[in-house]
Amino acid sequence: MLTDYLPIFVILILSIAVGVLILFIDRIFGPHRPTVVKSKPYESGMVPYGEGTRRMRVRYYLLAVLFILFDVEVIFFLPWAVSFRKLGLFAFIEMLIFVAILMVGFVYIWKKGAIEWE
């Protein structure tokens, strides 16, 4: 049973080996002349001041997670639409239930104000 996964493990090991080999060859043969000017952070030609990071509001992350959540759920529409005629009435009803659940979630986050941008 594990022999079925052997090609995947071989490809994984080969891809890791090629990546390490490329980094090794770059370090040996590539130009590497660090200076003080090169190691300074670059911010649109301006001298940086303050911390390099700033705090982001939770609302930004919430909106990003909601976008990815609904985007991934919409991916399920494509296989259903391609084989719609073969699946019949049962699959149509199942998709209506799926869309209803999506709409309940969407209306909920809309009413909570999670998708409003300030």
PDB file of N, CA and C in Angstrom:
ATOM      1  N   MET A   1       0.816  -1.194   0.000  1.00  0.00           N
ATOM      2  CA  MET A   1       0.000   0.000   0.000  1.00  0.00           C
ATOM      3  C   MET A   1       0.865   1.266   0.000  1.00  0.00           C
ATOM      4  N   LEU A   2       1.946   1.237   0.773  1.00  0.00           N
ATOM      5  CA  LEU A   2       2.818   2.409   0.786  1.00  0.00           C
ATOM      6  C   LEU A   2       3.594   2.566  -0.509  1.00  0.00           C
ATOM      7  N   THR A   3       3.699   1.493  -1.288  1.00  0.00           N
ATOM      8  CA  THR A   3       4.415   1.602  -2.564  1.00  0.00           C
ATOM      9  C   THR A   3       3.659   2.488  -3.556  1.00  0.00           C
ATOM     10  N   ASP A   4       2.357   2.667  -3.340  1.00  0.00           N
ATOM     11  CA  ASP A   4       1.594   3.575  -4.200  1.00  0.00           C
ATOM     12  C   ASP A   4       2.039   5.018  -4.036  1.00  0.00           C
ATOM     13  N   TYR A   5       2.540   5.344  -2.838  1.00  0.00           N
ATOM     14  CA  TYR A   5       2.966   6.712  -2.552  1.00  0.00           C
ATOM     15  C   TYR A   5       4.441   6.943  -2.855  1.00  0.00           C
ATOM     16  N   LEU A   6       5.148   5.938  -3.295  1.00  0.00           N
ATOM     17  CA  LEU A   6       6.574   6.067  -3.579  1.00  0.00           C
ATOM     18  C   LEU A   6       6.891   7.156  -4.610  1.00  0.00           C
ATOM     19  N   PRO A   7       6.158   7.260  -5.733  1.00  0.00           N
ATOM     20  CA  PRO A   7       6.467   8.345  -6.679  1.00  0.00           C
ATOM     21  C   PRO A   7       6.308   9.744  -6.068  1.00  0.00           C
ATOM     22  N   ILE A   8       5.357   9.902  -5.188  1.00  0.00           N
ATOM     23  CA  ILE A   8       5.159  11.215  -4.545  1.00  0.00           C
ATOM     24  C   ILE A   8       6.352  11.538  -3.655  1.00  0.00           C
ATOM     25  N   PHE A   9       6.816  10.548  -2.891  1.00  0.00           N
ATOM     26  CA  PHE A   9       7.975  10.772  -2.025  1.00  0.00           C
ATOM     27  C   PHE A   9       9.227  11.056  -2.845  1.00  0.00           C
ATOM     28  N   VAL A  10       9.400  10.372  -3.968  1.00  0.00           N
ATOM     29  CA  VAL A  10      10.560  10.608  -4.836  1.00  0.00           C
ATOM     30  C   VAL A  10      10.522  12.029  -5.391  1.00  0.00           C
ATOM     31  N   ILE A  11       9.367  12.471  -5.849  1.00  0.00           N
ATOM     32  CA  ILE A  11       9.237  13.837  -6.378  1.00  0.00           C
ATOM     33  C   ILE A  11       9.488  14.860  -5.278  1.00  0.00           C
ATOM     34  N   LEU A  12       8.978  14.595  -4.080  1.00  0.00           N
ATOM     35  CA  LEU A  12       9.193  15.506  -2.953  1.00  0.00           C
ATOM     36  C   LEU A  12      10.673  15.613  -2.613  1.00  0.00           C
ATOM     37  N   ILE A  13      11.351  14.490  -2.542  1.00  0.00           N
ATOM     38  CA  ILE A  13      12.780  14.501  -2.219  1.00  0.00           C
ATOM     39  C   ILE A  13      13.577  15.180  -3.333  1.00  0.00           C
ATOM     40  N   LEU A  14      13.246  14.888  -4.599  1.00  0.00           N
ATOM     41  CA  LEU A  14      13.946  15.539  -5.709  1.00  0.00           C
ATOM     42  C   LEU A  14      13.730  17.044  -5.730  1.00  0.00           C
ATOM     43  N   SER A  15      12.522  17.490  -5.443  1.00  0.00           N
ATOM     44  CA  SER A  15      12.266  18.934  -5.459  1.00  0.00           C
ATOM     45  C   SER A  15      13.000  19.638  -4.322  1.00  0.00           C
ATOM     46  N   ILE A  16      13.059  19.022  -3.160  1.00  0.00           N
ATOM     47  CA  ILE A  16      13.815  19.617  -2.051  1.00  0.00           C
ATOM     48  C   ILE A  16      15.303  19.634  -2.394  1.00  0.00           C
ATOM     49  N   ALA A  17      15.808  18.550  -2.984  1.00  0.00           N
ATOM     50  CA  ALA A  17      17.230  18.486  -3.351  1.00  0.00           C
ATOM     51  C   ALA A  17      17.582  19.532  -4.403  1.00  0.00           C
ATOM     52  N   VAL A  18      16.718  19.730  -5.392  1.00  0.00           N
ATOM     53  CA  VAL A  18      16.984  20.741  -6.423  1.00  0.00           C
ATOM     54  C   VAL A  18      16.978  22.141  -5.804  1.00  0.00           C
ATOM     55  N   GLY A  19      16.042  22.413  -4.911  1.00  0.00           N
ATOM     56  CA  GLY A  19      16.007  23.723  -4.257  1.00  0.00           C
ATOM     57  C   GLY A  19      17.252  23.996  -3.438  1.00  0.00           C
ATOM     58  N   VAL A  20      17.690  23.001  -2.660  1.00  0.00           N
ATOM     59  CA  VAL A  20      18.912  23.164  -1.863  1.00  0.00           C
ATOM     60  C   VAL A  20      20.126  23.307  -2.765  1.00  0.00           C
ATOM     61  N   LEU A  21      20.177  22.543  -3.846  1.00  0.00           N
ATOM     62  CA  LEU A  21      21.291  22.632  -4.787  1.00  0.00           C
ATOM     63  C   LEU A  21      21.373  24.016  -5.428  1.00  0.00           C
ATOM     64  N   ILE A  22      20.238  24.569  -5.815  1.00  0.00           N
ATOM     65  CA  ILE A  22      20.224  25.907  -6.421  1.00  0.00           C
ATOM     66  C   ILE A  22      20.713  26.954  -5.426  1.00  0.00           C
ATOM     67  N   LEU A  23      20.252  26.871  -4.174  1.00  0.00           N
ATOM     68  CA  LEU A  23      20.716  27.823  -3.161  1.00  0.00           C
ATOM     69  C   LEU A  23      22.216  27.670  -2.900  1.00  0.00           C
ATOM     70  N   PHE A  24      22.691  26.442  -2.877  1.00  0.00           N
ATOM     71  CA  PHE A  24      24.115  26.182  -2.658  1.00  0.00           C
ATOM     72  C   PHE A  24      24.965  26.739  -3.803  1.00  0.00           C
ATOM     73  N   ILE A  25      24.544  26.490  -5.039  1.00  0.00           N
ATOM     74  CA  ILE A  25      25.283  26.999  -6.202  1.00  0.00           C
ATOM     75  C   ILE A  25      25.261  28.527  -6.222  1.00  0.00           C
ATOM     76  N   ASP A  26      24.146  29.127  -5.864  1.00  0.00           N
ATOM     77  CA  ASP A  26      24.062  30.588  -5.830  1.00  0.00           C
ATOM     78  C   ASP A  26      25.008  31.165  -4.785  1.00  0.00           C
ATOM     79  N   ARG A  27      25.084  30.527  -3.636  1.00  0.00           N
ATOM     80  CA  ARG A  27      25.952  31.029  -2.571  1.00  0.00           C
ATOM     81  C   ARG A  27      27.426  30.920  -2.971  1.00  0.00           C
ATOM     82  N   ILE A  28      27.778  29.867  -3.706  1.00  0.00           N
ATOM     83  CA  ILE A  28      29.182  29.670  -4.092  1.00  0.00           C
ATOM     84  C   ILE A  28      29.573  30.578  -5.259  1.00  0.00           C
ATOM     85  N   PHE A  29      28.760  30.618  -6.320  1.00  0.00           N
ATOM     86  CA  PHE A  29      29.153  31.316  -7.548  1.00  0.00           C
ATOM     87  C   PHE A  29      28.551  32.705  -7.701  1.00  0.00           C
ATOM     88  N   GLY A  30      27.539  33.032  -6.942  1.00  0.00           N
ATOM     89  CA  GLY A  30      26.876  34.323  -7.082  1.00  0.00           C
ATOM     90  C   GLY A  30      27.646  35.445  -6.411  1.00  0.00           C
ATOM     91  N   PRO A  31      27.385  36.681  -6.839  1.00  0.00           N
ATOM     92  CA  PRO A  31      28.059  37.812  -6.201  1.00  0.00           C
ATOM     93  C   PRO A  31      27.524  38.012  -4.780  1.00  0.00           C
ATOM     94  N   HIS A  32      28.447  38.230  -3.875  1.00  0.00           N
ATOM     95  CA  HIS A  32      28.055  38.421  -2.477  1.00  0.00           C
ATOM     96  C   HIS A  32      28.999  39.446  -1.863  1.00  0.00           C
ATOM     97  N   ARG A  33      28.638  40.721  -1.994  1.00  0.00           N
ATOM     98  CA  ARG A  33      29.456  41.801  -1.455  1.00  0.00           C
ATOM     99  C   ARG A  33      28.585  42.698  -0.577  1.00  0.00           C
ATOM    100  N   PRO A  34      28.341  42.298   0.654  1.00  0.00           N
ATOM    101  CA  PRO A  34      27.495  43.135   1.512  1.00  0.00           C
ATOM    102  C   PRO A  34      28.221  44.415   1.950  1.00  0.00           C
ATOM    103  N   THR A  35      27.463  45.517   1.964  1.00  0.00           N
ATOM    104  CA  THR A  35      27.988  46.790   2.465  1.00  0.00           C
ATOM    105  C   THR A  35      26.972  47.369   3.430  1.00  0.00           C
ATOM    106  N   VAL A  36      27.358  48.441   4.077  1.00  0.00           N
ATOM    107  CA  VAL A  36      26.464  49.085   5.029  1.00  0.00           C
ATOM    108  C   VAL A  36      25.254  49.668   4.308  1.00  0.00           C
ATOM    109  N   VAL A  37      25.479  50.243   3.135  1.00  0.00           N
ATOM    110  CA  VAL A  37      24.394  50.853   2.379  1.00  0.00           C
ATOM    111  C   VAL A  37      23.403  49.788   1.895  1.00  0.00           C
ATOM    112  N   LYS A  38      23.916  48.654   1.450  1.00  0.00           N
ATOM    113  CA  LYS A  38      23.047  47.597   0.957  1.00  0.00           C
ATOM    114  C   LYS A  38      22.209  46.969   2.064  1.00  0.00           C
ATOM    115  N   SER A  39      22.716  46.967   3.283  1.00  0.00           N
ATOM    116  CA  SER A  39      21.976  46.326   4.371  1.00  0.00           C
ATOM    117  C   SER A  39      20.947  47.243   5.024  1.00  0.00           C
ATOM    118  N   LYS A  40      20.888  48.515   4.605  1.00  0.00           N
ATOM    119  CA  LYS A  40      19.877  49.431   5.134  1.00  0.00           C
ATOM    120  C   LYS A  40      18.506  49.111   4.530  1.00  0.00           C
ATOM    121  N   PRO A  41      17.447  49.241   5.307  1.00  0.00           N
ATOM    122  CA  PRO A  41      16.116  49.029   4.724  1.00  0.00           C
ATOM    123  C   PRO A  41      15.766  50.162   3.762  1.00  0.00           C
ATOM    124  N   TYR A  42      15.076  49.811   2.700  1.00  0.00           N
ATOM    125  CA  TYR A  42      14.714  50.785   1.674  1.00  0.00           C
ATOM    126  C   TYR A  42      13.209  51.000   1.698  1.00  0.00           C
ATOM    127  N   GLU A  43      12.799  52.245   1.875  1.00  0.00           N
ATOM    128  CA  GLU A  43      11.377  52.575   1.900  1.00  0.00           C
ATOM    129  C   GLU A  43      11.131  53.778   1.005  1.00  0.00           C
ATOM    130  N   SER A  44      10.982  53.548  -0.252  1.00  0.00           N
ATOM    131  CA  SER A  44      10.658  54.577  -1.236  1.00  0.00           C
ATOM    132  C   SER A  44      11.653  55.728  -1.226  1.00  0.00           C
ATOM    133  N   GLY A  45      12.907  55.445  -0.973  1.00  0.00           N
ATOM    134  CA  GLY A  45      13.928  56.474  -0.998  1.00  0.00           C
ATOM    135  C   GLY A  45      13.972  57.330   0.251  1.00  0.00           C
ATOM    136  N   MET A  46      13.147  57.027   1.240  1.00  0.00           N
ATOM    137  CA  MET A  46      13.116  57.813   2.468  1.00  0.00           C
ATOM    138  C   MET A  46      13.878  57.090   3.567  1.00  0.00           C
ATOM    139  N   VAL A  47      14.448  57.839   4.457  1.00  0.00           N
ATOM    140  CA  VAL A  47      15.145  57.252   5.594  1.00  0.00           C
ATOM    141  C   VAL A  47      14.086  56.691   6.545  1.00  0.00           C
ATOM    142  N   PRO A  48      14.157  55.413   6.879  1.00  0.00           N
ATOM    143  CA  PRO A  48      13.135  54.832   7.751  1.00  0.00           C
ATOM    144  C   PRO A  48      13.264  55.345   9.175  1.00  0.00           C
ATOM    145  N   TYR A  49      12.131  55.493   9.827  1.00  0.00           N
ATOM    146  CA  TYR A  49      12.120  55.905  11.225  1.00  0.00           C
ATOM    147  C   TYR A  49      11.045  55.106  11.947  1.00  0.00           C
ATOM    148  N   GLY A  50      11.222  54.928  13.212  1.00  0.00           N
ATOM    149  CA  GLY A  50      10.253  54.180  14.017  1.00  0.00           C
ATOM    150  C   GLY A  50      10.383  52.686  13.796  1.00  0.00           C
ATOM    151  N   GLU A  51       9.361  51.971  14.280  1.00  0.00           N
ATOM    152  CA  GLU A  51       9.353  50.520  14.146  1.00  0.00           C
ATOM    153  C   GLU A  51       9.079  50.117  12.701  1.00  0.00           C
ATOM    154  N   GLY A  52       9.558  48.960  12.342  1.00  0.00           N
ATOM    155  CA  GLY A  52       9.336  48.463  10.993  1.00  0.00           C
ATOM    156  C   GLY A  52       7.955  47.856  10.807  1.00  0.00           C
ATOM    157  N   THR A  53       7.305  47.544  11.903  1.00  0.00           N
ATOM    158  CA  THR A  53       5.968  46.955  11.818  1.00  0.00           C
ATOM    159  C   THR A  53       4.969  47.894  12.464  1.00  0.00           C
ATOM    160  N   ARG A  54       3.748  47.778  12.033  1.00  0.00           N
ATOM    161  CA  ARG A  54       2.686  48.553  12.662  1.00  0.00           C
ATOM    162  C   ARG A  54       1.513  47.620  12.908  1.00  0.00           C
ATOM    163  N   ARG A  55       0.720  47.984  13.842  1.00  0.00           N
ATOM    164  CA  ARG A  55      -0.400  47.135  14.211  1.00  0.00           C
ATOM    165  C   ARG A  55      -1.528  47.306  13.203  1.00  0.00           C
ATOM    166  N   MET A  56      -2.082  46.179  12.822  1.00  0.00           N
ATOM    167  CA  MET A  56      -3.221  46.181  11.906  1.00  0.00           C
ATOM    168  C   MET A  56      -4.471  45.875  12.709  1.00  0.00           C
ATOM    169  N   ARG A  57      -5.567  46.437  12.276  1.00  0.00           N
ATOM    170  CA  ARG A  57      -6.821  46.187  12.970  1.00  0.00           C
ATOM    171  C   ARG A  57      -7.292  44.763  12.693  1.00  0.00           C
ATOM    172  N   VAL A  58      -8.004  44.208  13.637  1.00  0.00           N
ATOM    173  CA  VAL A  58      -8.524  42.848  13.504  1.00  0.00           C
ATOM    174  C   VAL A  58      -9.531  42.781  12.361  1.00  0.00           C
ATOM    175  N   ARG A  59     -10.214  43.855  12.104  1.00  0.00           N
ATOM    176  CA  ARG A  59     -11.214  43.887  11.032  1.00  0.00           C
ATOM    177  C   ARG A  59     -10.594  43.558   9.672  1.00  0.00           C
ATOM    178  N   TYR A  60      -9.363  43.982   9.456  1.00  0.00           N
ATOM    179  CA  TYR A  60      -8.674  43.681   8.202  1.00  0.00           C
ATOM    180  C   TYR A  60      -8.485  42.177   8.043  1.00  0.00           C
ATOM    181  N   TYR A  61      -8.020  41.519   9.093  1.00  0.00           N
ATOM    182  CA  TYR A  61      -7.802  40.076   9.040  1.00  0.00           C
ATOM    183  C   TYR A  61      -9.128  39.324   8.924  1.00  0.00           C
ATOM    184  N   LEU A  62     -10.138  39.807   9.605  1.00  0.00           N
ATOM    185  CA  LEU A  62     -11.451  39.177   9.525  1.00  0.00           C
ATOM    186  C   LEU A  62     -11.984  39.230   8.098  1.00  0.00           C
ATOM    187  N   LEU A  63     -11.833  40.369   7.451  1.00  0.00           N
ATOM    188  CA  LEU A  63     -12.290  40.495   6.069  1.00  0.00           C
ATOM    189  C   LEU A  63     -11.498  39.574   5.139  1.00  0.00           C
ATOM    190  N   ALA A  64     -10.205  39.458   5.353  1.00  0.00           N
ATOM    191  CA  ALA A  64      -9.380  38.575   4.526  1.00  0.00           C
ATOM    192  C   ALA A  64      -9.786  37.113   4.707  1.00  0.00           C
ATOM    193  N   VAL A  65     -10.035  36.698   5.938  1.00  0.00           N
ATOM    194  CA  VAL A  65     -10.443  35.320   6.197  1.00  0.00           C
ATOM    195  C   VAL A  65     -11.812  35.045   5.598  1.00  0.00           C
ATOM    196  N   LEU A  66     -12.719  35.986   5.707  1.00  0.00           N
ATOM    197  CA  LEU A  66     -14.049  35.806   5.126  1.00  0.00           C
ATOM    198  C   LEU A  66     -13.978  35.723   3.603  1.00  0.00           C
ATOM    199  N   PHE A  67     -13.123  36.530   3.000  1.00  0.00           N
ATOM    200  CA  PHE A  67     -12.957  36.465   1.551  1.00  0.00           C
ATOM    201  C   PHE A  67     -12.464  35.090   1.124  1.00  0.00           C
ATOM    202  N   ILE A  68     -11.446  34.593   1.807  1.00  0.00           N
ATOM    203  CA  ILE A  68     -10.909  33.276   1.453  1.00  0.00           C
ATOM    204  C   ILE A  68     -11.944  32.194   1.698  1.00  0.00           C
ATOM    205  N   LEU A  69     -12.689  32.296   2.778  1.00  0.00           N
ATOM    206  CA  LEU A  69     -13.715  31.305   3.085  1.00  0.00           C
ATOM    207  C   LEU A  69     -14.761  31.236   1.980  1.00  0.00           C
ATOM    208  N   PHE A  70     -15.312  32.364   1.596  1.00  0.00           N
ATOM    209  CA  PHE A  70     -16.334  32.362   0.556  1.00  0.00           C
ATOM    210  C   PHE A  70     -15.740  32.047  -0.821  1.00  0.00           C
ATOM    211  N   ASP A  71     -14.498  32.429  -1.041  1.00  0.00           N
ATOM    212  CA  ASP A  71     -13.852  32.120  -2.316  1.00  0.00           C
ATOM    213  C   ASP A  71     -13.658  30.615  -2.471  1.00  0.00           C
ATOM    214  N   VAL A  72     -13.240  29.951  -1.418  1.00  0.00           N
ATOM    215  CA  VAL A  72     -13.056  28.501  -1.473  1.00  0.00           C
ATOM    216  C   VAL A  72     -14.398  27.798  -1.635  1.00  0.00           C
ATOM    217  N   GLU A  73     -15.419  28.299  -0.997  1.00  0.00           N
ATOM    218  CA  GLU A  73     -16.726  27.663  -1.120  1.00  0.00           C
ATOM    219  C   GLU A  73     -17.307  27.831  -2.523  1.00  0.00           C
ATOM    220  N   VAL A  74     -17.001  28.914  -3.183  1.00  0.00           N
ATOM    221  CA  VAL A  74     -17.496  29.132  -4.540  1.00  0.00           C
ATOM    222  C   VAL A  74     -16.816  28.182  -5.524  1.00  0.00           C
ATOM    223  N   ILE A  75     -15.624  27.696  -5.178  1.00  0.00           N
ATOM    224  CA  ILE A  75     -14.928  26.744  -6.046  1.00  0.00           C
ATOM    225  C   ILE A  75     -15.760  25.481  -6.250  1.00  0.00           C
ATOM    226  N   PHE A  76     -16.591  25.137  -5.285  1.00  0.00           N
ATOM    227  CA  PHE A  76     -17.419  23.942  -5.399  1.00  0.00           C
ATOM    228  C   PHE A  76     -18.494  24.075  -6.477  1.00  0.00           C
ATOM    229  N   PHE A  77     -18.750  25.269  -6.958  1.00  0.00           N
ATOM    230  CA  PHE A  77     -19.756  25.449  -8.007  1.00  0.00           C
ATOM    231  C   PHE A  77     -19.296  24.918  -9.362  1.00  0.00           C
ATOM    232  N   LEU A  78     -18.010  24.999  -9.660  1.00  0.00           N
ATOM    233  CA  LEU A  78     -17.534  24.614 -10.989  1.00  0.00           C
ATOM    234  C   LEU A  78     -17.744  23.133 -11.308  1.00  0.00           C
ATOM    235  N   PRO A  79     -17.324  22.200 -10.459  1.00  0.00           N
ATOM    236  CA  PRO A  79     -17.576  20.798 -10.804  1.00  0.00           C
ATOM    237  C   PRO A  79     -19.070  20.475 -10.889  1.00  0.00           C
ATOM    238  N   TRP A  80     -19.834  21.120 -10.045  1.00  0.00           N
ATOM    239  CA  TRP A  80     -21.283  20.902 -10.083  1.00  0.00           C
ATOM    240  C   TRP A  80     -21.862  21.418 -11.400  1.00  0.00           C
ATOM    241  N   ALA A  81     -21.424  22.587 -11.837  1.00  0.00           N
ATOM    242  CA  ALA A  81     -21.959  23.170 -13.071  1.00  0.00           C
ATOM    243  C   ALA A  81     -21.541  22.366 -14.298  1.00  0.00           C
ATOM    244  N   VAL A  82     -20.336  21.801 -14.274  1.00  0.00           N
ATOM    245  CA  VAL A  82     -19.865  21.028 -15.422  1.00  0.00           C
ATOM    246  C   VAL A  82     -20.688  19.752 -15.588  1.00  0.00           C
ATOM    247  N   SER A  83     -21.004  19.092 -14.496  1.00  0.00           N
ATOM    248  CA  SER A  83     -21.739  17.826 -14.577  1.00  0.00           C
ATOM    249  C   SER A  83     -23.189  17.977 -14.117  1.00  0.00           C
ATOM    250  N   PHE A  84     -23.759  19.153 -14.300  1.00  0.00           N
ATOM    251  CA  PHE A  84     -25.111  19.437 -13.819  1.00  0.00           C
ATOM    252  C   PHE A  84     -26.155  18.512 -14.430  1.00  0.00           C
ATOM    253  N   ARG A  85     -26.104  18.293 -15.724  1.00  0.00           N
ATOM    254  CA  ARG A  85     -27.137  17.485 -16.394  1.00  0.00           C
ATOM    255  C   ARG A  85     -27.050  16.011 -16.020  1.00  0.00           C
ATOM    256  N   LYS A  86     -25.865  15.522 -15.730  1.00  0.00           N
ATOM    257  CA  LYS A  86     -25.705  14.113 -15.368  1.00  0.00           C
ATOM    258  C   LYS A  86     -26.160  13.833 -13.938  1.00  0.00           C
ATOM    259  N   LEU A  87     -26.081  14.823 -13.076  1.00  0.00           N
ATOM    260  CA  LEU A  87     -26.335  14.593 -11.658  1.00  0.00           C
ATOM    261  C   LEU A  87     -27.809  14.481 -11.322  1.00  0.00           C
ATOM    262  N   GLY A  88     -28.635  15.216 -12.002  1.00  0.00           N
ATOM    263  CA  GLY A  88     -30.067  15.087 -11.786  1.00  0.00           C
ATOM    264  C   GLY A  88     -30.620  16.018 -10.713  1.00  0.00           C
ATOM    265  N   LEU A  89     -31.852  15.719 -10.313  1.00  0.00           N
ATOM    266  CA  LEU A  89     -32.597  16.579  -9.392  1.00  0.00           C
ATOM    267  C   LEU A  89     -32.010  16.564  -7.983  1.00  0.00           C
ATOM    268  N   PHE A  90     -31.505  15.414  -7.537  1.00  0.00           N
ATOM    269  CA  PHE A  90     -30.956  15.323  -6.185  1.00  0.00           C
ATOM    270  C   PHE A  90     -29.779  16.282  -6.001  1.00  0.00           C
ATOM    271  N   ALA A  91     -28.884  16.328  -6.973  1.00  0.00           N
ATOM    272  CA  ALA A  91     -27.735  17.223  -6.888  1.00  0.00           C
ATOM    273  C   ALA A  91     -28.169  18.679  -6.945  1.00  0.00           C
ATOM    274  N   PHE A  92     -29.227  18.956  -7.703  1.00  0.00           N
ATOM    275  CA  PHE A  92     -29.733  20.328  -7.762  1.00  0.00           C
ATOM    276  C   PHE A  92     -30.261  20.766  -6.393  1.00  0.00           C
ATOM    277  N   ILE A  93     -30.996  19.888  -5.742  1.00  0.00           N
ATOM    278  CA  ILE A  93     -31.529  20.214  -4.410  1.00  0.00           C
ATOM    279  C   ILE A  93     -30.388  20.357  -3.402  1.00  0.00           C
ATOM    280  N   GLU A  94     -29.389  19.489  -3.496  1.00  0.00           N
ATOM    281  CA  GLU A  94     -28.234  19.603  -2.604  1.00  0.00           C
ATOM    282  C   GLU A  94     -27.511  20.933  -2.802  1.00  0.00           C
ATOM    283  N   MET A  95     -27.378  21.380  -4.047  1.00  0.00           N
ATOM    284  CA  MET A  95     -26.714  22.655  -4.303  1.00  0.00           C
ATOM    285  C   MET A  95     -27.557  23.817  -3.799  1.00  0.00           C
ATOM    286  N   LEU A  96     -28.869  23.699  -3.897  1.00  0.00           N
ATOM    287  CA  LEU A  96     -29.732  24.744  -3.332  1.00  0.00           C
ATOM    288  C   LEU A  96     -29.552  24.834  -1.815  1.00  0.00           C
ATOM    289  N   ILE A  97     -29.425  23.707  -1.156  1.00  0.00           N
ATOM    290  CA  ILE A  97     -29.180  23.707   0.287  1.00  0.00           C
ATOM    291  C   ILE A  97     -27.820  24.340   0.595  1.00  0.00           C
ATOM    292  N   PHE A  98     -26.810  23.991  -0.204  1.00  0.00           N
ATOM    293  CA  PHE A  98     -25.472  24.560  -0.031  1.00  0.00           C
ATOM    294  C   PHE A  98     -25.496  26.079  -0.205  1.00  0.00           C
ATOM    295  N   VAL A  99     -26.184  26.548  -1.235  1.00  0.00           N
ATOM    296  CA  VAL A  99     -26.283  27.991  -1.480  1.00  0.00           C
ATOM    297  C   VAL A  99     -27.066  28.668  -0.352  1.00  0.00           C
ATOM    298  N   ALA A 100     -28.094  28.005   0.152  1.00  0.00           N
ATOM    299  CA  ALA A 100     -28.863  28.582   1.258  1.00  0.00           C
ATOM    300  C   ALA A 100     -27.991  28.739   2.501  1.00  0.00           C
ATOM    301  N   ILE A 101     -27.165  27.734   2.786  1.00  0.00           N
ATOM    302  CA  ILE A 101     -26.258  27.843   3.931  1.00  0.00           C
ATOM    303  C   ILE A 101     -25.259  28.972   3.714  1.00  0.00           C
ATOM    304  N   LEU A 102     -24.731  29.098   2.494  1.00  0.00           N
ATOM    305  CA  LEU A 102     -23.821  30.206   2.180  1.00  0.00           C
ATOM    306  C   LEU A 102     -24.501  31.553   2.359  1.00  0.00           C
ATOM    307  N   MET A 103     -25.740  31.655   1.908  1.00  0.00           N
ATOM    308  CA  MET A 103     -26.457  32.927   2.014  1.00  0.00           C
ATOM    309  C   MET A 103     -26.760  33.284   3.463  1.00  0.00           C
ATOM    310  N   VAL A 104     -27.080  32.285   4.281  1.00  0.00           N
ATOM    311  CA  VAL A 104     -27.315  32.554   5.703  1.00  0.00           C
ATOM    312  C   VAL A 104     -26.048  33.107   6.333  1.00  0.00           C
ATOM    313  N   GLY A 105     -24.904  32.489   6.021  1.00  0.00           N
ATOM    314  CA  GLY A 105     -23.633  32.990   6.548  1.00  0.00           C
ATOM    315  C   GLY A 105     -23.304  34.377   6.028  1.00  0.00           C
ATOM    316  N   PHE A 106     -23.553  34.610   4.760  1.00  0.00           N
ATOM    317  CA  PHE A 106     -23.262  35.922   4.174  1.00  0.00           C
ATOM    318  C   PHE A 106     -24.141  37.008   4.771  1.00  0.00           C
ATOM    319  N   VAL A 107     -25.437  36.726   4.924  1.00  0.00           N
ATOM    320  CA  VAL A 107     -26.348  37.717   5.523  1.00  0.00           C
ATOM    321  C   VAL A 107     -25.962  37.980   6.969  1.00  0.00           C
ATOM    322  N   TYR A 108     -25.531  36.945   7.682  1.00  0.00           N
ATOM    323  CA  TYR A 108     -25.117  37.112   9.078  1.00  0.00           C
ATOM    324  C   TYR A 108     -23.918  38.054   9.188  1.00  0.00           C
ATOM    325  N   ILE A 109     -22.874  37.813   8.379  1.00  0.00           N
ATOM    326  CA  ILE A 109     -21.707  38.694   8.484  1.00  0.00           C
ATOM    327  C   ILE A 109     -22.004  40.083   7.933  1.00  0.00           C
ATOM    328  N   TRP A 110     -22.959  40.179   7.015  1.00  0.00           N
ATOM    329  CA  TRP A 110     -23.351  41.484   6.504  1.00  0.00           C
ATOM    330  C   TRP A 110     -24.057  42.281   7.594  1.00  0.00           C
ATOM    331  N   LYS A 111     -24.974  41.645   8.314  1.00  0.00           N
ATOM    332  CA  LYS A 111     -25.696  42.318   9.393  1.00  0.00           C
ATOM    333  C   LYS A 111     -24.782  42.679  10.547  1.00  0.00           C
ATOM    334  N   LYS A 112     -23.761  41.865  10.802  1.00  0.00           N
ATOM    335  CA  LYS A 112     -22.797  42.159  11.864  1.00  0.00           C
ATOM    336  C   LYS A 112     -21.857  43.290  11.483  1.00  0.00           C
ATOM    337  N   GLY A 113     -21.810  43.635  10.195  1.00  0.00           N
ATOM    338  CA  GLY A 113     -20.942  44.720   9.741  1.00  0.00           C
ATOM    339  C   GLY A 113     -19.503  44.285   9.512  1.00  0.00           C
ATOM    340  N   ALA A 114     -19.286  42.984   9.324  1.00  0.00           N
ATOM    341  CA  ALA A 114     -17.918  42.478   9.165  1.00  0.00           C
ATOM    342  C   ALA A 114     -17.344  42.800   7.800  1.00  0.00           C
ATOM    343  N   ILE A 115     -18.180  43.084   6.803  1.00  0.00           N
ATOM    344  CA  ILE A 115     -17.631  43.341   5.462  1.00  0.00           C
ATOM    345  C   ILE A 115     -17.657  44.816   5.090  1.00  0.00           C
ATOM    346  N   GLU A 116     -17.901  45.660   6.058  1.00  0.00           N
ATOM    347  CA  GLU A 116     -17.852  47.109   5.800  1.00  0.00           C
ATOM    348  C   GLU A 116     -16.426  47.596   6.009  1.00  0.00           C
ATOM    349  N   TRP A 117     -15.960  48.369   5.059  1.00  0.00           N
ATOM    350  CA  TRP A 117     -14.598  48.900   5.121  1.00  0.00           C
ATOM    351  C   TRP A 117     -14.657  50.345   5.551  1.00  0.00           C
ATOM    352  N   GLU A 118     -13.797  50.693   6.501  1.00  0.00           N
ATOM    353  CA  GLU A 118     -13.802  52.079   7.011  1.00  0.00           C
ATOM    354  C   GLU A 118     -12.644  52.849   6.467  1.00  0.00           C
TER     355      GLU A 118
END
